[in-house]
mmCIF file of all heavy atoms, coordinates in Angstrom:
data_MODEL
# 
_entry.id   MODEL 
# 
loop_
_atom_site.group_PDB 
_atom_site.id 
_atom_site.type_symbol 
_atom_site.label_atom_id 
_atom_site.label_alt_id 
_atom_site.label_comp_id 
_atom_site.label_asym_id 
_atom_site.label_entity_id 
_atom_site.label_seq_id 
_atom_site.pdbx_PDB_ins_code 
_atom_site.Cartn_x 
_atom_site.Cartn_y 
_atom_site.Cartn_z 
_atom_site.occupancy 
_atom_site.B_iso_or_equiv 
_atom_site.pdbx_formal_charge 
_atom_site.auth_seq_id 
_atom_site.auth_comp_id 
_atom_site.auth_asym_id 
_atom_site.auth_atom_id 
_atom_site.pdbx_PDB_model_num 
ATOM 1   N N   . PRO A 1 1  ? 103.417 86.074  93.932  1.00 0.00 ? 1  PRO A N   1 
ATOM 2   C CA  . PRO A 1 1  ? 103.154 87.380  94.070  1.00 0.00 ? 1  PRO A CA  1 
ATOM 3   C C   . PRO A 1 1  ? 101.882 87.824  94.965  1.00 0.00 ? 1  PRO A C   1 
ATOM 4   O O   . PRO A 1 1  ? 101.922 88.508  95.970  1.00 0.00 ? 1  PRO A O   1 
ATOM 5   C CB  . PRO A 1 1  ? 103.083 88.062  92.700  1.00 0.00 ? 1  PRO A CB  1 
ATOM 6   C CG  . PRO A 1 1  ? 103.930 87.129  91.949  1.00 0.00 ? 1  PRO A CG  1 
ATOM 7   C CD  . PRO A 1 1  ? 103.689 85.704  92.547  1.00 0.00 ? 1  PRO A CD  1 
ATOM 8   N N   . ILE A 1 2  ? 100.643 87.263  94.475  1.00 0.00 ? 2  ILE A N   1 
ATOM 9   C CA  . ILE A 1 2  ? 99.405  87.731  95.050  1.00 0.00 ? 2  ILE A CA  1 
ATOM 10  C C   . ILE A 1 2  ? 99.315  87.218  96.437  1.00 0.00 ? 2  ILE A C   1 
ATOM 11  O O   . ILE A 1 2  ? 98.852  87.972  97.412  1.00 0.00 ? 2  ILE A O   1 
ATOM 12  C CB  . ILE A 1 2  ? 98.248  87.266  94.153  1.00 0.00 ? 2  ILE A CB  1 
ATOM 13  C CG1 . ILE A 1 2  ? 98.326  87.790  92.773  1.00 0.00 ? 2  ILE A CG1 1 
ATOM 14  C CG2 . ILE A 1 2  ? 96.970  87.605  94.833  1.00 0.00 ? 2  ILE A CG2 1 
ATOM 15  C CD1 . ILE A 1 2  ? 98.226  89.313  92.667  1.00 0.00 ? 2  ILE A CD1 1 
ATOM 16  N N   . GLN A 1 3  ? 99.766  85.980  96.712  1.00 0.00 ? 3  GLN A N   1 
ATOM 17  C CA  . GLN A 1 3  ? 99.694  85.383  98.040  1.00 0.00 ? 3  GLN A CA  1 
ATOM 18  C C   . GLN A 1 3  ? 100.631 86.199  99.036  1.00 0.00 ? 3  GLN A C   1 
ATOM 19  O O   . GLN A 1 3  ? 100.210 86.592  100.082 1.00 0.00 ? 3  GLN A O   1 
ATOM 20  C CB  . GLN A 1 3  ? 100.171 84.015  97.963  1.00 0.00 ? 3  GLN A CB  1 
ATOM 21  C CG  . GLN A 1 3  ? 99.903  83.333  99.377  1.00 0.00 ? 3  GLN A CG  1 
ATOM 22  C CD  . GLN A 1 3  ? 100.440 81.779  99.381  1.00 0.00 ? 3  GLN A CD  1 
ATOM 23  O OE1 . GLN A 1 3  ? 100.560 81.317  98.223  1.00 0.00 ? 3  GLN A OE1 1 
ATOM 24  N NE2 . GLN A 1 3  ? 100.566 81.238  100.400 1.00 0.00 ? 3  GLN A NE2 1 
ATOM 25  N N   . ALA A 1 4  ? 101.759 86.542  98.521  1.00 0.00 ? 4  ALA A N   1 
ATOM 26  C CA  . ALA A 1 4  ? 102.689 87.378  99.380  1.00 0.00 ? 4  ALA A CA  1 
ATOM 27  C C   . ALA A 1 4  ? 102.112 88.784  99.669  1.00 0.00 ? 4  ALA A C   1 
ATOM 28  O O   . ALA A 1 4  ? 102.362 89.262  100.815 1.00 0.00 ? 4  ALA A O   1 
ATOM 29  C CB  . ALA A 1 4  ? 104.027 87.520  98.654  1.00 0.00 ? 4  ALA A CB  1 
ATOM 30  N N   . ILE A 1 5  ? 101.490 89.428  98.728  1.00 0.00 ? 5  ILE A N   1 
ATOM 31  C CA  . ILE A 1 5  ? 100.937 90.731  98.965  1.00 0.00 ? 5  ILE A CA  1 
ATOM 32  C C   . ILE A 1 5  ? 99.811  90.654  100.032 1.00 0.00 ? 5  ILE A C   1 
ATOM 33  O O   . ILE A 1 5  ? 99.626  91.525  100.845 1.00 0.00 ? 5  ILE A O   1 
ATOM 34  C CB  . ILE A 1 5  ? 100.366 91.276  97.641  1.00 0.00 ? 5  ILE A CB  1 
ATOM 35  C CG1 . ILE A 1 5  ? 101.543 91.687  96.655  1.00 0.00 ? 5  ILE A CG1 1 
ATOM 36  C CG2 . ILE A 1 5  ? 99.519  92.515  97.919  1.00 0.00 ? 5  ILE A CG2 1 
ATOM 37  C CD1 . ILE A 1 5  ? 101.040 91.952  95.323  1.00 0.00 ? 5  ILE A CD1 1 
ATOM 38  N N   . LYS A 1 6  ? 99.040  89.580  99.905  1.00 0.00 ? 6  LYS A N   1 
ATOM 39  C CA  . LYS A 1 6  ? 97.900  89.418  100.882 1.00 0.00 ? 6  LYS A CA  1 
ATOM 40  C C   . LYS A 1 6  ? 98.413  89.054  102.362 1.00 0.00 ? 6  LYS A C   1 
ATOM 41  O O   . LYS A 1 6  ? 97.714  89.529  103.308 1.00 0.00 ? 6  LYS A O   1 
ATOM 42  C CB  . LYS A 1 6  ? 96.945  88.328  100.443 1.00 0.00 ? 6  LYS A CB  1 
ATOM 43  C CG  . LYS A 1 6  ? 96.158  88.639  99.136  1.00 0.00 ? 6  LYS A CG  1 
ATOM 44  C CD  . LYS A 1 6  ? 95.229  87.581  98.849  1.00 0.00 ? 6  LYS A CD  1 
ATOM 45  C CE  . LYS A 1 6  ? 94.305  87.884  97.609  1.00 0.00 ? 6  LYS A CE  1 
ATOM 46  N NZ  . LYS A 1 6  ? 93.522  86.824  97.090  1.00 0.00 ? 6  LYS A NZ  1 
ATOM 47  N N   . THR A 1 7  ? 99.519  88.333  102.460 1.00 0.00 ? 7  THR A N   1 
ATOM 48  C CA  . THR A 1 7  ? 99.892  87.714  103.684 1.00 0.00 ? 7  THR A CA  1 
ATOM 49  C C   . THR A 1 7  ? 100.948 88.600  104.460 1.00 0.00 ? 7  THR A C   1 
ATOM 50  O O   . THR A 1 7  ? 101.053 88.600  105.612 1.00 0.00 ? 7  THR A O   1 
ATOM 51  C CB  . THR A 1 7  ? 100.322 86.313  103.634 1.00 0.00 ? 7  THR A CB  1 
ATOM 52  O OG1 . THR A 1 7  ? 101.441 86.293  102.683 1.00 0.00 ? 7  THR A OG1 1 
ATOM 53  C CG2 . THR A 1 7  ? 99.185  85.492  103.149 1.00 0.00 ? 7  THR A CG2 1 
ATOM 54  N N   . LYS A 1 8  ? 101.823 89.380  103.587 1.00 0.00 ? 8  LYS A N   1 
ATOM 55  C CA  . LYS A 1 8  ? 102.891 90.056  104.255 1.00 0.00 ? 8  LYS A CA  1 
ATOM 56  C C   . LYS A 1 8  ? 102.573 91.542  104.118 1.00 0.00 ? 8  LYS A C   1 
ATOM 57  O O   . LYS A 1 8  ? 103.224 92.289  103.371 1.00 0.00 ? 8  LYS A O   1 
ATOM 58  C CB  . LYS A 1 8  ? 104.121 89.644  103.542 1.00 0.00 ? 8  LYS A CB  1 
ATOM 59  C CG  . LYS A 1 8  ? 104.528 88.220  103.836 1.00 0.00 ? 8  LYS A CG  1 
ATOM 60  C CD  . LYS A 1 8  ? 106.040 87.950  103.408 1.00 0.00 ? 8  LYS A CD  1 
ATOM 61  C CE  . LYS A 1 8  ? 106.467 86.737  103.898 1.00 0.00 ? 8  LYS A CE  1 
ATOM 62  N NZ  . LYS A 1 8  ? 107.919 86.267  103.451 1.00 0.00 ? 8  LYS A NZ  1 
ATOM 63  N N   . LYS A 1 9  ? 101.727 92.117  104.875 1.00 0.00 ? 9  LYS A N   1 
ATOM 64  C CA  . LYS A 1 9  ? 101.310 93.464  104.859 1.00 0.00 ? 9  LYS A CA  1 
ATOM 65  C C   . LYS A 1 9  ? 102.461 94.426  105.294 1.00 0.00 ? 9  LYS A C   1 
ATOM 66  O O   . LYS A 1 9  ? 102.472 95.637  104.914 1.00 0.00 ? 9  LYS A O   1 
ATOM 67  C CB  . LYS A 1 9  ? 100.098 93.699  105.822 1.00 0.00 ? 9  LYS A CB  1 
ATOM 68  C CG  . LYS A 1 9  ? 98.929  92.817  105.426 1.00 0.00 ? 9  LYS A CG  1 
ATOM 69  C CD  . LYS A 1 9  ? 98.282  93.297  104.131 1.00 0.00 ? 9  LYS A CD  1 
ATOM 70  C CE  . LYS A 1 9  ? 97.078  92.499  103.839 1.00 0.00 ? 9  LYS A CE  1 
ATOM 71  N NZ  . LYS A 1 9  ? 96.450  92.691  102.495 1.00 0.00 ? 9  LYS A NZ  1 
ATOM 72  N N   . ASP A 1 10 ? 103.393 93.939  106.111 1.00 0.00 ? 10 ASP A N   1 
ATOM 73  C CA  . ASP A 1 10 ? 104.499 94.723  106.633 1.00 0.00 ? 10 ASP A CA  1 
ATOM 74  C C   . ASP A 1 10 ? 105.824 94.507  105.766 1.00 0.00 ? 10 ASP A C   1 
ATOM 75  O O   . ASP A 1 10 ? 106.862 94.721  106.329 1.00 0.00 ? 10 ASP A O   1 
ATOM 76  C CB  . ASP A 1 10 ? 104.705 94.540  108.163 1.00 0.00 ? 10 ASP A CB  1 
ATOM 77  C CG  . ASP A 1 10 ? 105.589 95.580  108.736 1.00 0.00 ? 10 ASP A CG  1 
ATOM 78  O OD1 . ASP A 1 10 ? 105.464 96.797  108.288 1.00 0.00 ? 10 ASP A OD1 1 
ATOM 79  O OD2 . ASP A 1 10 ? 106.260 95.216  109.748 1.00 0.00 ? 10 ASP A OD2 1 
ATOM 80  N N   . ALA A 1 11 ? 105.638 94.028  104.616 1.00 0.00 ? 11 ALA A N   1 
ATOM 81  C CA  . ALA A 1 11 ? 106.906 93.751  103.691 1.00 0.00 ? 11 ALA A CA  1 
ATOM 82  C C   . ALA A 1 11 ? 107.505 95.044  103.376 1.00 0.00 ? 11 ALA A C   1 
ATOM 83  O O   . ALA A 1 11 ? 106.767 96.079  103.106 1.00 0.00 ? 11 ALA A O   1 
ATOM 84  C CB  . ALA A 1 11 ? 106.399 92.865  102.534 1.00 0.00 ? 11 ALA A CB  1 
ATOM 85  N N   . SER A 1 12 ? 108.705 95.079  103.249 1.00 0.00 ? 12 SER A N   1 
ATOM 86  C CA  . SER A 1 12 ? 109.418 96.330  102.856 1.00 0.00 ? 12 SER A CA  1 
ATOM 87  C C   . SER A 1 12 ? 109.104 96.814  101.488 1.00 0.00 ? 12 SER A C   1 
ATOM 88  O O   . SER A 1 12 ? 108.877 98.078  101.366 1.00 0.00 ? 12 SER A O   1 
ATOM 89  C CB  . SER A 1 12 ? 110.993 96.113  102.909 1.00 0.00 ? 12 SER A CB  1 
ATOM 90  O OG  . SER A 1 12 ? 111.349 94.980  102.108 1.00 0.00 ? 12 SER A OG  1 
ATOM 91  N N   . MET A 1 13 ? 108.862 95.927  100.557 1.00 0.00 ? 13 MET A N   1 
ATOM 92  C CA  . MET A 1 13 ? 108.402 96.374  99.229  1.00 0.00 ? 13 MET A CA  1 
ATOM 93  C C   . MET A 1 13 ? 107.003 97.109  99.222  1.00 0.00 ? 13 MET A C   1 
ATOM 94  O O   . MET A 1 13 ? 106.812 98.145  98.672  1.00 0.00 ? 13 MET A O   1 
ATOM 95  C CB  . MET A 1 13 ? 108.280 95.102  98.267  1.00 0.00 ? 13 MET A CB  1 
ATOM 96  C CG  . MET A 1 13 ? 107.892 95.464  96.946  1.00 0.00 ? 13 MET A CG  1 
ATOM 97  S SD  . MET A 1 13 ? 107.519 93.960  95.961  1.00 0.00 ? 13 MET A SD  1 
ATOM 98  C CE  . MET A 1 13 ? 109.076 93.246  95.744  1.00 0.00 ? 13 MET A CE  1 
ATOM 99  N N   . LEU A 1 14 ? 106.066 96.502  100.048 1.00 0.00 ? 14 LEU A N   1 
ATOM 100 C CA  . LEU A 1 14 ? 104.729 97.036  100.060 1.00 0.00 ? 14 LEU A CA  1 
ATOM 101 C C   . LEU A 1 14 ? 104.817 98.504  100.875 1.00 0.00 ? 14 LEU A C   1 
ATOM 102 O O   . LEU A 1 14 ? 104.114 99.329  100.427 1.00 0.00 ? 14 LEU A O   1 
ATOM 103 C CB  . LEU A 1 14 ? 103.809 96.130  100.841 1.00 0.00 ? 14 LEU A CB  1 
ATOM 104 C CG  . LEU A 1 14 ? 103.653 94.701  100.129 1.00 0.00 ? 14 LEU A CG  1 
ATOM 105 C CD1 . LEU A 1 14 ? 102.551 93.901  100.874 1.00 0.00 ? 14 LEU A CD1 1 
ATOM 106 C CD2 . LEU A 1 14 ? 103.240 94.919  98.728  1.00 0.00 ? 14 LEU A CD2 1 
ATOM 107 N N   . ARG A 1 15 ? 105.594 98.462  101.901 1.00 0.00 ? 15 ARG A N   1 
ATOM 108 C CA  . ARG A 1 15 ? 105.705 99.809  102.637 1.00 0.00 ? 15 ARG A CA  1 
ATOM 109 C C   . ARG A 1 15 ? 106.295 100.869 101.715 1.00 0.00 ? 15 ARG A C   1 
ATOM 110 O O   . ARG A 1 15 ? 105.726 101.995 101.746 1.00 0.00 ? 15 ARG A O   1 
ATOM 111 C CB  . ARG A 1 15 ? 106.575 99.608  103.858 1.00 0.00 ? 15 ARG A CB  1 
ATOM 112 C CG  . ARG A 1 15 ? 105.903 98.660  104.937 1.00 0.00 ? 15 ARG A CG  1 
ATOM 113 C CD  . ARG A 1 15 ? 104.611 99.164  105.446 1.00 0.00 ? 15 ARG A CD  1 
ATOM 114 N NE  . ARG A 1 15 ? 104.040 98.432  106.581 1.00 0.00 ? 15 ARG A NE  1 
ATOM 115 C CZ  . ARG A 1 15 ? 102.802 98.433  106.919 1.00 0.00 ? 15 ARG A CZ  1 
ATOM 116 N NH1 . ARG A 1 15 ? 101.907 99.085  106.333 1.00 0.00 ? 15 ARG A NH1 1 
ATOM 117 N NH2 . ARG A 1 15 ? 102.382 97.644  108.036 1.00 0.00 ? 15 ARG A NH2 1 
ATOM 118 N N   . ALA A 1 16 ? 107.188 100.449 100.818 1.00 0.00 ? 16 ALA A N   1 
ATOM 119 C CA  . ALA A 1 16 ? 107.805 101.525 100.078 1.00 0.00 ? 16 ALA A CA  1 
ATOM 120 C C   . ALA A 1 16 ? 106.786 101.958 99.013  1.00 0.00 ? 16 ALA A C   1 
ATOM 121 O O   . ALA A 1 16 ? 106.758 103.215 98.705  1.00 0.00 ? 16 ALA A O   1 
ATOM 122 C CB  . ALA A 1 16 ? 109.088 100.870 99.380  1.00 0.00 ? 16 ALA A CB  1 
ATOM 123 N N   . ILE A 1 17 ? 105.960 101.050 98.394  1.00 0.00 ? 17 ILE A N   1 
ATOM 124 C CA  . ILE A 1 17 ? 104.996 101.479 97.465  1.00 0.00 ? 17 ILE A CA  1 
ATOM 125 C C   . ILE A 1 17 ? 103.874 102.316 98.099  1.00 0.00 ? 17 ILE A C   1 
ATOM 126 O O   . ILE A 1 17 ? 103.370 103.245 97.528  1.00 0.00 ? 17 ILE A O   1 
ATOM 127 C CB  . ILE A 1 17 ? 104.392 100.313 96.829  1.00 0.00 ? 17 ILE A CB  1 
ATOM 128 C CG1 . ILE A 1 17 ? 105.431 99.533  95.867  1.00 0.00 ? 17 ILE A CG1 1 
ATOM 129 C CG2 . ILE A 1 17 ? 103.221 100.534 95.886  1.00 0.00 ? 17 ILE A CG2 1 
ATOM 130 C CD1 . ILE A 1 17 ? 104.981 98.163  95.366  1.00 0.00 ? 17 ILE A CD1 1 
ATOM 131 N N   . GLU A 1 18 ? 103.474 101.930 99.369  1.00 0.00 ? 18 GLU A N   1 
ATOM 132 C CA  . GLU A 1 18 ? 102.400 102.699 100.093 1.00 0.00 ? 18 GLU A CA  1 
ATOM 133 C C   . GLU A 1 18 ? 102.860 104.119 100.377 1.00 0.00 ? 18 GLU A C   1 
ATOM 134 O O   . GLU A 1 18 ? 102.053 105.052 100.486 1.00 0.00 ? 18 GLU A O   1 
ATOM 135 C CB  . GLU A 1 18 ? 102.140 102.008 101.343 1.00 0.00 ? 18 GLU A CB  1 
ATOM 136 C CG  . GLU A 1 18 ? 101.235 100.706 101.097 1.00 0.00 ? 18 GLU A CG  1 
ATOM 137 C CD  . GLU A 1 18 ? 101.199 99.895  102.428 1.00 0.00 ? 18 GLU A CD  1 
ATOM 138 O OE1 . GLU A 1 18 ? 101.818 100.256 103.491 1.00 0.00 ? 18 GLU A OE1 1 
ATOM 139 O OE2 . GLU A 1 18 ? 100.588 98.732  102.325 1.00 0.00 ? 18 GLU A OE2 1 
ATOM 140 N N   . MET A 1 19 ? 104.220 104.313 100.518 1.00 0.00 ? 19 MET A N   1 
ATOM 141 C CA  . MET A 1 19 ? 104.759 105.599 100.764 1.00 0.00 ? 19 MET A CA  1 
ATOM 142 C C   . MET A 1 19 ? 104.410 106.652 99.548  1.00 0.00 ? 19 MET A C   1 
ATOM 143 O O   . MET A 1 19 ? 104.170 107.784 99.790  1.00 0.00 ? 19 MET A O   1 
ATOM 144 C CB  . MET A 1 19 ? 106.208 105.635 101.059 1.00 0.00 ? 19 MET A CB  1 
ATOM 145 C CG  . MET A 1 19 ? 106.585 105.105 102.351 1.00 0.00 ? 19 MET A CG  1 
ATOM 146 S SD  . MET A 1 19 ? 108.310 105.194 102.751 1.00 0.00 ? 19 MET A SD  1 
ATOM 147 C CE  . MET A 1 19 ? 108.398 104.523 104.246 1.00 0.00 ? 19 MET A CE  1 
ATOM 148 N N   . VAL A 1 20 ? 104.500 106.042 98.388  1.00 0.00 ? 20 VAL A N   1 
ATOM 149 C CA  . VAL A 1 20 ? 104.244 106.755 97.076  1.00 0.00 ? 20 VAL A CA  1 
ATOM 150 C C   . VAL A 1 20 ? 102.714 107.003 97.167  1.00 0.00 ? 20 VAL A C   1 
ATOM 151 O O   . VAL A 1 20 ? 102.377 108.026 96.709  1.00 0.00 ? 20 VAL A O   1 
ATOM 152 C CB  . VAL A 1 20 ? 104.673 106.016 95.923  1.00 0.00 ? 20 VAL A CB  1 
ATOM 153 C CG1 . VAL A 1 20 ? 104.236 106.728 94.619  1.00 0.00 ? 20 VAL A CG1 1 
ATOM 154 C CG2 . VAL A 1 20 ? 106.128 105.717 95.895  1.00 0.00 ? 20 VAL A CG2 1 
ATOM 155 N N   . LYS A 1 21 ? 101.925 106.028 97.427  1.00 0.00 ? 21 LYS A N   1 
ATOM 156 C CA  . LYS A 1 21 ? 100.460 106.108 97.425  1.00 0.00 ? 21 LYS A CA  1 
ATOM 157 C C   . LYS A 1 21 ? 99.896  107.309 98.307  1.00 0.00 ? 21 LYS A C   1 
ATOM 158 O O   . LYS A 1 21 ? 99.013  108.089 97.958  1.00 0.00 ? 21 LYS A O   1 
ATOM 159 C CB  . LYS A 1 21 ? 99.803  104.823 97.749  1.00 0.00 ? 21 LYS A CB  1 
ATOM 160 C CG  . LYS A 1 21 ? 98.300  104.859 97.788  1.00 0.00 ? 21 LYS A CG  1 
ATOM 161 C CD  . LYS A 1 21 ? 97.695  103.585 98.202  1.00 0.00 ? 21 LYS A CD  1 
ATOM 162 C CE  . LYS A 1 21 ? 96.159  103.609 98.076  1.00 0.00 ? 21 LYS A CE  1 
ATOM 163 N NZ  . LYS A 1 21 ? 95.475  102.282 98.493  1.00 0.00 ? 21 LYS A NZ  1 
ATOM 164 N N   . ILE A 1 22 ? 100.532 107.346 99.555  1.00 0.00 ? 22 ILE A N   1 
ATOM 165 C CA  . ILE A 1 22 ? 100.113 108.357 100.479 1.00 0.00 ? 22 ILE A CA  1 
ATOM 166 C C   . ILE A 1 22 ? 100.773 109.789 100.446 1.00 0.00 ? 22 ILE A C   1 
ATOM 167 O O   . ILE A 1 22 ? 100.563 110.661 101.166 1.00 0.00 ? 22 ILE A O   1 
ATOM 168 C CB  . ILE A 1 22 ? 100.086 107.781 101.894 1.00 0.00 ? 22 ILE A CB  1 
ATOM 169 C CG1 . ILE A 1 22 ? 101.429 107.580 102.423 1.00 0.00 ? 22 ILE A CG1 1 
ATOM 170 C CG2 . ILE A 1 22 ? 99.300  106.627 102.004 1.00 0.00 ? 22 ILE A CG2 1 
ATOM 171 C CD1 . ILE A 1 22 ? 101.656 107.094 103.836 1.00 0.00 ? 22 ILE A CD1 1 
ATOM 172 N N   . GLY A 1 23 ? 101.816 109.776 99.537  1.00 0.00 ? 23 GLY A N   1 
ATOM 173 C CA  . GLY A 1 23 ? 102.526 111.061 99.305  1.00 0.00 ? 23 GLY A CA  1 
ATOM 174 C C   . GLY A 1 23 ? 103.782 111.298 100.178 1.00 0.00 ? 23 GLY A C   1 
ATOM 175 O O   . GLY A 1 23 ? 104.408 112.351 100.178 1.00 0.00 ? 23 GLY A O   1 
ATOM 176 N N   . MET A 1 24 ? 104.203 110.272 100.865 1.00 0.00 ? 24 MET A N   1 
ATOM 177 C CA  . MET A 1 24 ? 105.461 110.357 101.638 1.00 0.00 ? 24 MET A CA  1 
ATOM 178 C C   . MET A 1 24 ? 106.740 110.270 100.697 1.00 0.00 ? 24 MET A C   1 
ATOM 179 O O   . MET A 1 24 ? 107.777 110.717 101.113 1.00 0.00 ? 24 MET A O   1 
ATOM 180 C CB  . MET A 1 24 ? 105.561 109.142 102.617 1.00 0.00 ? 24 MET A CB  1 
ATOM 181 C CG  . MET A 1 24 ? 104.658 109.421 103.889 1.00 0.00 ? 24 MET A CG  1 
ATOM 182 S SD  . MET A 1 24 ? 104.786 108.044 105.030 1.00 0.00 ? 24 MET A SD  1 
ATOM 183 C CE  . MET A 1 24 ? 106.647 108.192 105.473 1.00 0.00 ? 24 MET A CE  1 
ATOM 184 N N   . ALA A 1 25 ? 106.570 109.636 99.625  1.00 0.00 ? 25 ALA A N   1 
ATOM 185 C CA  . ALA A 1 25 ? 107.602 109.519 98.675  1.00 0.00 ? 25 ALA A CA  1 
ATOM 186 C C   . ALA A 1 25 ? 107.022 109.710 97.134  1.00 0.00 ? 25 ALA A C   1 
ATOM 187 O O   . ALA A 1 25 ? 105.841 109.610 97.025  1.00 0.00 ? 25 ALA A O   1 
ATOM 188 C CB  . ALA A 1 25 ? 108.268 108.038 98.687  1.00 0.00 ? 25 ALA A CB  1 
ATOM 189 N N   . ASP A 1 26 ? 107.948 109.921 96.233  1.00 0.00 ? 26 ASP A N   1 
ATOM 190 C CA  . ASP A 1 26 ? 107.539 110.140 94.906  1.00 0.00 ? 26 ASP A CA  1 
ATOM 191 C C   . ASP A 1 26 ? 107.793 108.974 93.981  1.00 0.00 ? 26 ASP A C   1 
ATOM 192 O O   . ASP A 1 26 ? 107.232 108.826 92.838  1.00 0.00 ? 26 ASP A O   1 
ATOM 193 C CB  . ASP A 1 26 ? 108.200 111.430 94.282  1.00 0.00 ? 26 ASP A CB  1 
ATOM 194 C CG  . ASP A 1 26 ? 107.996 112.656 95.098  1.00 0.00 ? 26 ASP A CG  1 
ATOM 195 O OD1 . ASP A 1 26 ? 106.819 113.033 95.247  1.00 0.00 ? 26 ASP A OD1 1 
ATOM 196 O OD2 . ASP A 1 26 ? 109.009 113.281 95.525  1.00 0.00 ? 26 ASP A OD2 1 
# 
């Protein structure tokens, strides 16, 4: 998990979570 989060910045899972963080999604 931690290695994947650090190395795959453009992963679909991370992008989906970031959308919640910046207010694009709930």
